[in-house]
Structures are given as structure tokens and as C-alpha cells.
Amino acid sequence: RAEQEGREPKEITDIYHELIGNDLKNADISLD
């Protein structure tokens, strides 16, 4: 995906790490 979009892979994972974290927080998943 990164190659097809002309981006670095970590640019993609930076975005989704935050989005996934927010989803889990908002669903009250009590991760340590």
C-alpha cells in the first residue's frame, strides 16, 4: 500500500495506530 500511494509504510501505521487506539479506548477496552 505504501508503494502504491508513494508513502513510507510508517506514515500509514502512524495514522492507524492512533485510530485503532481511539476505537479500543472508546469501546472501554481496559488495556494496561
PDB file of all heavy atoms in Angstrom:
ATOM      1  N   ARG A   1       0.832  -1.212   0.000  1.00  0.00           N
ATOM      2  CA  ARG A   1       0.000   0.000   0.000  1.00  0.00           C
ATOM      3  C   ARG A   1       0.862   1.254   0.000  1.00  0.00           C
ATOM      4  O   ARG A   1       0.574   2.217  -0.716  1.00  0.00           O
ATOM      5  CB  ARG A   1      -0.926  -0.013   1.214  1.00  0.00           C
ATOM      6  CG  ARG A   1      -1.782   1.232   1.330  1.00  0.00           C
ATOM      7  CD  ARG A   1      -2.759   1.143   2.483  1.00  0.00           C
ATOM      8  NE  ARG A   1      -3.477   2.390   2.661  1.00  0.00           N
ATOM      9  CZ  ARG A   1      -4.400   2.582   3.593  1.00  0.00           C
ATOM     10  NH1 ARG A   1      -4.719   1.604   4.417  1.00  0.00           N
ATOM     11  NH2 ARG A   1      -5.012   3.747   3.702  1.00  0.00           N
ATOM     12  N   ALA A   2       1.920   1.250   0.796  1.00  0.00           N
ATOM     13  CA  ALA A   2       2.804   2.419   0.865  1.00  0.00           C
ATOM     14  C   ALA A   2       3.430   2.695  -0.499  1.00  0.00           C
ATOM     15  O   ALA A   2       3.503   3.856  -0.936  1.00  0.00           O
ATOM     16  CB  ALA A   2       3.880   2.190   1.922  1.00  0.00           C
ATOM     17  N   GLU A   3       3.883   1.642  -1.188  1.00  0.00           N
ATOM     18  CA  GLU A   3       4.476   1.837  -2.507  1.00  0.00           C
ATOM     19  C   GLU A   3       3.449   2.376  -3.495  1.00  0.00           C
ATOM     20  O   GLU A   3       3.749   3.259  -4.301  1.00  0.00           O
ATOM     21  CB  GLU A   3       5.055   0.521  -3.018  1.00  0.00           C
ATOM     22  CG  GLU A   3       6.360   0.129  -2.347  1.00  0.00           C
ATOM     23  CD  GLU A   3       7.100  -0.937  -3.122  1.00  0.00           C
ATOM     24  OE1 GLU A   3       7.306  -0.744  -4.338  1.00  0.00           O
ATOM     25  OE2 GLU A   3       7.472  -1.956  -2.509  1.00  0.00           O
ATOM     26  N   GLN A   4       2.248   1.826  -3.442  1.00  0.00           N
ATOM     27  CA  GLN A   4       1.213   2.264  -4.377  1.00  0.00           C
ATOM     28  C   GLN A   4       0.804   3.716  -4.137  1.00  0.00           C
ATOM     29  O   GLN A   4       0.429   4.423  -5.069  1.00  0.00           O
ATOM     30  CB  GLN A   4      -0.004   1.350  -4.268  1.00  0.00           C
ATOM     31  CG  GLN A   4       0.259  -0.070  -4.775  1.00  0.00           C
ATOM     32  CD  GLN A   4      -0.892  -1.012  -4.511  1.00  0.00           C
ATOM     33  OE1 GLN A   4      -1.656  -0.842  -3.557  1.00  0.00           O
ATOM     34  NE2 GLN A   4      -1.031  -2.033  -5.349  1.00  0.00           N
ATOM     35  N   GLU A   5       0.888   4.158  -2.881  1.00  0.00           N
ATOM     36  CA  GLU A   5       0.490   5.525  -2.539  1.00  0.00           C
ATOM     37  C   GLU A   5       1.669   6.486  -2.500  1.00  0.00           C
ATOM     38  O   GLU A   5       1.482   7.679  -2.240  1.00  0.00           O
ATOM     39  CB  GLU A   5      -0.227   5.529  -1.184  1.00  0.00           C
ATOM     40  CG  GLU A   5      -1.538   4.754  -1.192  1.00  0.00           C
ATOM     41  CD  GLU A   5      -2.219   4.739   0.173  1.00  0.00           C
ATOM     42  OE1 GLU A   5      -1.703   5.391   1.105  1.00  0.00           O
ATOM     43  OE2 GLU A   5      -3.277   4.081   0.292  1.00  0.00           O
ATOM     44  N   GLY A   6       2.876   5.969  -2.734  1.00  0.00           N
ATOM     45  CA  GLY A   6       4.048   6.829  -2.728  1.00  0.00           C
ATOM     46  C   GLY A   6       4.384   7.381  -1.358  1.00  0.00           C
ATOM     47  O   GLY A   6       4.848   8.518  -1.227  1.00  0.00           O
ATOM     48  N   ARG A   7       4.152   6.557  -0.322  1.00  0.00           N
ATOM     49  CA  ARG A   7       4.437   6.996   1.055  1.00  0.00           C
ATOM     50  C   ARG A   7       5.345   5.985   1.741  1.00  0.00           C
ATOM     51  O   ARG A   7       5.526   4.874   1.259  1.00  0.00           O
ATOM     52  CB  ARG A   7       3.137   7.120   1.856  1.00  0.00           C
ATOM     53  CG  ARG A   7       2.200   8.190   1.350  1.00  0.00           C
ATOM     54  CD  ARG A   7       1.152   8.530   2.397  1.00  0.00           C
ATOM     55  NE  ARG A   7       0.095   7.539   2.478  1.00  0.00           N
ATOM     56  CZ  ARG A   7      -0.882   7.573   3.390  1.00  0.00           C
ATOM     57  NH1 ARG A   7      -0.907   8.528   4.308  1.00  0.00           N
ATOM     58  NH2 ARG A   7      -1.831   6.652   3.395  1.00  0.00           N
ATOM     59  N   GLU A   8       5.875   6.388   2.885  1.00  0.00           N
ATOM     60  CA  GLU A   8       6.618   5.467   3.718  1.00  0.00           C
ATOM     61  C   GLU A   8       5.624   4.614   4.519  1.00  0.00           C
ATOM     62  O   GLU A   8       4.582   5.125   4.948  1.00  0.00           O
ATOM     63  CB  GLU A   8       7.545   6.219   4.678  1.00  0.00           C
ATOM     64  CG  GLU A   8       8.703   6.913   3.998  1.00  0.00           C
ATOM     65  CD  GLU A   8       9.628   5.922   3.309  1.00  0.00           C
ATOM     66  OE1 GLU A   8       9.909   4.855   3.904  1.00  0.00           O
ATOM     67  OE2 GLU A   8      10.049   6.209   2.178  1.00  0.00           O
ATOM     68  N   PRO A   9       5.925   3.344   4.745  1.00  0.00           N
ATOM     69  CA  PRO A   9       4.993   2.492   5.497  1.00  0.00           C
ATOM     70  C   PRO A   9       4.617   3.061   6.862  1.00  0.00           C
ATOM     71  O   PRO A   9       3.460   2.973   7.275  1.00  0.00           O
ATOM     72  CB  PRO A   9       5.766   1.177   5.635  1.00  0.00           C
ATOM     73  CG  PRO A   9       6.682   1.155   4.465  1.00  0.00           C
ATOM     74  CD  PRO A   9       7.089   2.579   4.234  1.00  0.00           C
ATOM     75  N   LYS A  10       5.583   3.663   7.546  1.00  0.00           N
ATOM     76  CA  LYS A  10       5.291   4.155   8.902  1.00  0.00           C
ATOM     77  C   LYS A  10       4.338   5.346   8.888  1.00  0.00           C
ATOM     78  O   LYS A  10       3.659   5.615   9.877  1.00  0.00           O
ATOM     79  CB  LYS A  10       6.566   4.507   9.651  1.00  0.00           C
ATOM     80  CG  LYS A  10       6.349   4.623  11.164  1.00  0.00           C
ATOM     81  CD  LYS A  10       7.636   4.546  11.944  1.00  0.00           C
ATOM     82  CE  LYS A  10       7.357   4.593  13.449  1.00  0.00           C
ATOM     83  NZ  LYS A  10       6.687   5.817  13.864  1.00  0.00           N
ATOM     84  N   GLU A  11       4.263   6.062   7.773  1.00  0.00           N
ATOM     85  CA  GLU A  11       3.270   7.137   7.671  1.00  0.00           C
ATOM     86  C   GLU A  11       1.861   6.549   7.783  1.00  0.00           C
ATOM     87  O   GLU A  11       0.972   7.145   8.398  1.00  0.00           O
ATOM     88  CB  GLU A  11       3.413   7.877   6.340  1.00  0.00           C
ATOM     89  CG  GLU A  11       4.671   8.706   6.193  1.00  0.00           C
ATOM     90  CD  GLU A  11       4.708   9.414   4.851  1.00  0.00           C
ATOM     91  OE1 GLU A  11       3.777  10.182   4.565  1.00  0.00           O
ATOM     92  OE2 GLU A  11       5.660   9.182   4.084  1.00  0.00           O
ATOM     93  N   ILE A  12       1.685   5.372   7.187  1.00  0.00           N
ATOM     94  CA  ILE A  12       0.382   4.701   7.249  1.00  0.00           C
ATOM     95  C   ILE A  12       0.127   4.164   8.649  1.00  0.00           C
ATOM     96  O   ILE A  12      -0.951   4.362   9.223  1.00  0.00           O
ATOM     97  CB  ILE A  12       0.324   3.561   6.213  1.00  0.00           C
ATOM     98  CG1 ILE A  12       0.395   4.139   4.799  1.00  0.00           C
ATOM     99  CG2 ILE A  12      -0.946   2.731   6.393  1.00  0.00           C
ATOM    100  CD1 ILE A  12       0.542   3.100   3.716  1.00  0.00           C
ATOM    101  N   THR A  13       1.114   3.494   9.216  1.00  0.00           N
ATOM    102  CA  THR A  13       0.903   2.874  10.532  1.00  0.00           C
ATOM    103  C   THR A  13       0.758   3.916  11.639  1.00  0.00           C
ATOM    104  O   THR A  13       0.068   3.661  12.629  1.00  0.00           O
ATOM    105  CB  THR A  13       2.037   1.895  10.867  1.00  0.00           C
ATOM    106  OG1 THR A  13       3.279   2.590  10.942  1.00  0.00           O
ATOM    107  CG2 THR A  13       2.138   0.800   9.815  1.00  0.00           C
ATOM    108  N   ASP A  14       1.382   5.072  11.482  1.00  0.00           N
ATOM    109  CA  ASP A  14       1.197   6.139  12.473  1.00  0.00           C
ATOM    110  C   ASP A  14      -0.271   6.542  12.564  1.00  0.00           C
ATOM    111  O   ASP A  14      -0.817   6.745  13.658  1.00  0.00           O
ATOM    112  CB  ASP A  14       2.031   7.376  12.099  1.00  0.00           C
ATOM    113  CG  ASP A  14       3.504   7.209  12.394  1.00  0.00           C
ATOM    114  OD1 ASP A  14       3.862   6.275  13.138  1.00  0.00           O
ATOM    115  OD2 ASP A  14       4.308   8.008  11.875  1.00  0.00           O
ATOM    116  N   ILE A  15      -0.893   6.655  11.408  1.00  0.00           N
ATOM    117  CA  ILE A  15      -2.310   7.068  11.356  1.00  0.00           C
ATOM    118  C   ILE A  15      -3.195   6.024  12.029  1.00  0.00           C
ATOM    119  O   ILE A  15      -4.030   6.334  12.891  1.00  0.00           O
ATOM    120  CB  ILE A  15      -2.751   7.286   9.899  1.00  0.00           C
ATOM    121  CG1 ILE A  15      -2.017   8.493   9.295  1.00  0.00           C
ATOM    122  CG2 ILE A  15      -4.268   7.478   9.813  1.00  0.00           C
ATOM    123  CD1 ILE A  15      -2.184   8.616   7.788  1.00  0.00           C
ATOM    124  N   TYR A  16      -2.985   4.752  11.648  1.00  0.00           N
ATOM    125  CA  TYR A  16      -3.908   3.720  12.123  1.00  0.00           C
ATOM    126  C   TYR A  16      -3.628   3.278  13.552  1.00  0.00           C
ATOM    127  O   TYR A  16      -4.543   2.797  14.227  1.00  0.00           O
ATOM    128  CB  TYR A  16      -3.923   2.542  11.148  1.00  0.00           C
ATOM    129  CG  TYR A  16      -4.659   2.898   9.884  1.00  0.00           C
ATOM    130  CD1 TYR A  16      -3.981   3.091   8.685  1.00  0.00           C
ATOM    131  CD2 TYR A  16      -6.035   3.103   9.898  1.00  0.00           C
ATOM    132  CE1 TYR A  16      -4.662   3.454   7.531  1.00  0.00           C
ATOM    133  CE2 TYR A  16      -6.720   3.471   8.754  1.00  0.00           C
ATOM    134  CZ  TYR A  16      -6.026   3.640   7.581  1.00  0.00           C
ATOM    135  OH  TYR A  16      -6.706   4.005   6.440  1.00  0.00           O
ATOM    136  N   HIS A  17      -2.400   3.434  14.020  1.00  0.00           N
ATOM    137  CA  HIS A  17      -2.152   3.157  15.433  1.00  0.00           C
ATOM    138  C   HIS A  17      -3.017   4.072  16.301  1.00  0.00           C
ATOM    139  O   HIS A  17      -3.622   3.623  17.289  1.00  0.00           O
ATOM    140  CB  HIS A  17      -0.677   3.356  15.772  1.00  0.00           C
ATOM    141  CG  HIS A  17      -0.386   3.237  17.231  1.00  0.00           C
ATOM    142  ND1 HIS A  17      -0.308   2.027  17.888  1.00  0.00           N
ATOM    143  CD2 HIS A  17      -0.195   4.191  18.194  1.00  0.00           C
ATOM    144  CE1 HIS A  17      -0.064   2.225  19.171  1.00  0.00           C
ATOM    145  NE2 HIS A  17       0.011   3.527  19.382  1.00  0.00           N
ATOM    146  N   GLU A  18      -3.086   5.323  15.924  1.00  0.00           N
ATOM    147  CA  GLU A  18      -3.896   6.268  16.700  1.00  0.00           C
ATOM    148  C   GLU A  18      -5.384   5.961  16.567  1.00  0.00           C
ATOM    149  O   GLU A  18      -6.125   5.968  17.560  1.00  0.00           O
ATOM    150  CB  GLU A  18      -3.613   7.697  16.238  1.00  0.00           C
ATOM    151  CG  GLU A  18      -4.373   8.747  17.031  1.00  0.00           C
ATOM    152  CD  GLU A  18      -4.025  10.185  16.646  1.00  0.00           C
ATOM    153  OE1 GLU A  18      -3.149  10.370  15.773  1.00  0.00           O
ATOM    154  OE2 GLU A  18      -4.631  11.117  17.213  1.00  0.00           O
ATOM    155  N   LEU A  19      -5.833   5.679  15.337  1.00  0.00           N
ATOM    156  CA  LEU A  19      -7.255   5.393  15.123  1.00  0.00           C
ATOM    157  C   LEU A  19      -7.687   4.139  15.873  1.00  0.00           C
ATOM    158  O   LEU A  19      -8.739   4.119  16.521  1.00  0.00           O
ATOM    159  CB  LEU A  19      -7.539   5.218  13.625  1.00  0.00           C
ATOM    160  CG  LEU A  19      -7.520   6.469  12.759  1.00  0.00           C
ATOM    161  CD1 LEU A  19      -7.730   6.108  11.295  1.00  0.00           C
ATOM    162  CD2 LEU A  19      -8.596   7.449  13.207  1.00  0.00           C
ATOM    163  N   ILE A  20      -6.887   3.092  15.796  1.00  0.00           N
ATOM    164  CA  ILE A  20      -7.220   1.832  16.480  1.00  0.00           C
ATOM    165  C   ILE A  20      -7.229   2.042  17.985  1.00  0.00           C
ATOM    166  O   ILE A  20      -8.122   1.555  18.692  1.00  0.00           O
ATOM    167  CB  ILE A  20      -6.221   0.731  16.082  1.00  0.00           C
ATOM    168  CG1 ILE A  20      -6.415   0.353  14.615  1.00  0.00           C
ATOM    169  CG2 ILE A  20      -6.382  -0.498  16.976  1.00  0.00           C
ATOM    170  CD1 ILE A  20      -5.301  -0.501  14.040  1.00  0.00           C
ATOM    171  N   GLY A  21      -6.235   2.775  18.489  1.00  0.00           N
ATOM    172  CA  GLY A  21      -6.187   3.061  19.920  1.00  0.00           C
ATOM    173  C   GLY A  21      -7.433   3.790  20.395  1.00  0.00           C
ATOM    174  O   GLY A  21      -7.999   3.460  21.445  1.00  0.00           O
ATOM    175  N   ASN A  22      -7.883   4.765  19.611  1.00  0.00           N
ATOM    176  CA  ASN A  22      -9.099   5.504  19.978  1.00  0.00           C
ATOM    177  C   ASN A  22     -10.331   4.608  19.947  1.00  0.00           C
ATOM    178  O   ASN A  22     -11.213   4.714  20.811  1.00  0.00           O
ATOM    179  CB  ASN A  22      -9.293   6.699  19.036  1.00  0.00           C
ATOM    180  CG  ASN A  22      -8.276   7.798  19.277  1.00  0.00           C
ATOM    181  OD1 ASN A  22      -7.720   7.915  20.372  1.00  0.00           O
ATOM    182  ND2 ASN A  22      -8.024   8.605  18.269  1.00  0.00           N
ATOM    183  N   ASP A  23     -10.398   3.723  18.957  1.00  0.00           N
ATOM    184  CA  ASP A  23     -11.538   2.797  18.882  1.00  0.00           C
ATOM    185  C   ASP A  23     -11.603   1.917  20.129  1.00  0.00           C
ATOM    186  O   ASP A  23     -12.680   1.722  20.713  1.00  0.00           O
ATOM    187  CB  ASP A  23     -11.415   1.903  17.644  1.00  0.00           C
ATOM    188  CG  ASP A  23     -11.699   2.640  16.349  1.00  0.00           C
ATOM    189  OD1 ASP A  23     -12.315   3.714  16.402  1.00  0.00           O
ATOM    190  OD2 ASP A  23     -11.293   2.135  15.285  1.00  0.00           O
ATOM    191  N   LEU A  24     -10.464   1.376  20.542  1.00  0.00           N
ATOM    192  CA  LEU A  24     -10.437   0.484  21.698  1.00  0.00           C
ATOM    193  C   LEU A  24     -10.723   1.242  22.990  1.00  0.00           C
ATOM    194  O   LEU A  24     -11.423   0.738  23.877  1.00  0.00           O
ATOM    195  CB  LEU A  24      -9.096  -0.234  21.773  1.00  0.00           C
ATOM    196  CG  LEU A  24      -8.759  -1.159  20.591  1.00  0.00           C
ATOM    197  CD1 LEU A  24      -7.380  -1.783  20.757  1.00  0.00           C
ATOM    198  CD2 LEU A  24      -9.821  -2.244  20.427  1.00  0.00           C
ATOM    199  N   LYS A  25     -10.202   2.448  23.102  1.00  0.00           N
ATOM    200  CA  LYS A  25     -10.494   3.266  24.288  1.00  0.00           C
ATOM    201  C   LYS A  25     -11.986   3.568  24.382  1.00  0.00           C
ATOM    202  O   LYS A  25     -12.602   3.422  25.446  1.00  0.00           O
ATOM    203  CB  LYS A  25      -9.726   4.584  24.221  1.00  0.00           C
ATOM    204  CG  LYS A  25      -8.237   4.496  24.472  1.00  0.00           C
ATOM    205  CD  LYS A  25      -7.594   5.873  24.307  1.00  0.00           C
ATOM    206  CE  LYS A  25      -6.089   5.811  24.424  1.00  0.00           C
ATOM    207  NZ  LYS A  25      -5.465   7.140  24.152  1.00  0.00           N
ATOM    208  N   ASN A  26     -12.571   3.972  23.263  1.00  0.00           N
ATOM    209  CA  ASN A  26     -13.984   4.366  23.264  1.00  0.00           C
ATOM    210  C   ASN A  26     -14.920   3.192  23.488  1.00  0.00           C
ATOM    211  O   ASN A  26     -16.071   3.375  23.894  1.00  0.00           O
ATOM    212  CB  ASN A  26     -14.324   5.077  21.955  1.00  0.00           C
ATOM    213  CG  ASN A  26     -13.608   6.405  21.815  1.00  0.00           C
ATOM    214  OD1 ASN A  26     -13.248   7.046  22.815  1.00  0.00           O
ATOM    215  ND2 ASN A  26     -13.375   6.850  20.589  1.00  0.00           N
ATOM    216  N   ALA A  27     -14.429   1.980  23.220  1.00  0.00           N
ATOM    217  CA  ALA A  27     -15.224   0.778  23.488  1.00  0.00           C
ATOM    218  C   ALA A  27     -14.980   0.251  24.902  1.00  0.00           C
ATOM    219  O   ALA A  27     -15.452  -0.826  25.253  1.00  0.00           O
ATOM    220  CB  ALA A  27     -14.902  -0.306  22.462  1.00  0.00           C
ATOM    221  N   ASP A  28     -14.230   1.024  25.713  1.00  0.00           N
ATOM    222  CA  ASP A  28     -13.956   0.681  27.119  1.00  0.00           C
ATOM    223  C   ASP A  28     -13.184  -0.628  27.264  1.00  0.00           C
ATOM    224  O   ASP A  28     -13.456  -1.432  28.157  1.00  0.00           O
ATOM    225  CB  ASP A  28     -15.259   0.625  27.931  1.00  0.00           C
ATOM    226  CG  ASP A  28     -15.912   1.990  28.038  1.00  0.00           C
ATOM    227  OD1 ASP A  28     -15.181   2.987  28.181  1.00  0.00           O
ATOM    228  OD2 ASP A  28     -17.152   2.071  27.971  1.00  0.00           O
ATOM    229  N   ILE A  29     -12.209  -0.831  26.382  1.00  0.00           N
ATOM    230  CA  ILE A  29     -11.307  -1.970  26.498  1.00  0.00           C
ATOM    231  C   ILE A  29     -10.162  -1.543  27.409  1.00  0.00           C
ATOM    232  O   ILE A  29      -9.339  -0.703  27.045  1.00  0.00           O
ATOM    233  CB  ILE A  29     -10.775  -2.413  25.118  1.00  0.00           C
ATOM    234  CG1 ILE A  29     -11.946  -2.607  24.142  1.00  0.00           C
ATOM    235  CG2 ILE A  29      -9.938  -3.667  25.256  1.00  0.00           C
ATOM    236  CD1 ILE A  29     -12.984  -3.611  24.578  1.00  0.00           C
ATOM    237  N   SER A  30     -10.095  -2.126  28.603  1.00  0.00           N
ATOM    238  CA  SER A  30      -9.223  -1.615  29.667  1.00  0.00           C
ATOM    239  C   SER A  30      -7.797  -2.162  29.565  1.00  0.00           C
ATOM    240  O   SER A  30      -7.289  -2.812  30.487  1.00  0.00           O
ATOM    241  CB  SER A  30      -9.822  -1.941  31.040  1.00  0.00           C
ATOM    242  OG  SER A  30     -10.004  -3.338  31.188  1.00  0.00           O
ATOM    243  N   LEU A  31      -7.146  -1.908  28.431  1.00  0.00           N
ATOM    244  CA  LEU A  31      -5.774  -2.366  28.237  1.00  0.00           C
ATOM    245  C   LEU A  31      -4.830  -1.686  29.219  1.00  0.00           C
ATOM    246  O   LEU A  31      -4.923  -0.486  29.469  1.00  0.00           O
ATOM    247  CB  LEU A  31      -5.315  -2.065  26.813  1.00  0.00           C
ATOM    248  CG  LEU A  31      -5.949  -2.885  25.686  1.00  0.00           C
ATOM    249  CD1 LEU A  31      -5.615  -2.276  24.331  1.00  0.00           C
ATOM    250  CD2 LEU A  31      -5.486  -4.333  25.755  1.00  0.00           C
ATOM    251  N   ASP A  32      -3.887  -2.471  29.734  1.00  0.00           N
ATOM    252  CA  ASP A  32      -2.818  -1.899  30.551  1.00  0.00           C
ATOM    253  C   ASP A  32      -1.704  -1.347  29.676  1.00  0.00           C
ATOM    254  O   ASP A  32      -1.029  -0.389  30.047  1.00  0.00           O
ATOM    255  CB  ASP A  32      -2.232  -2.971  31.482  1.00  0.00           C
ATOM    256  CG  ASP A  32      -3.230  -3.427  32.534  1.00  0.00           C
ATOM    257  OD1 ASP A  32      -3.365  -2.736  33.548  1.00  0.00           O
ATOM    258  OD2 ASP A  32      -3.881  -4.455  32.318  1.00  0.00           O
TER     259      ASP A  32
END
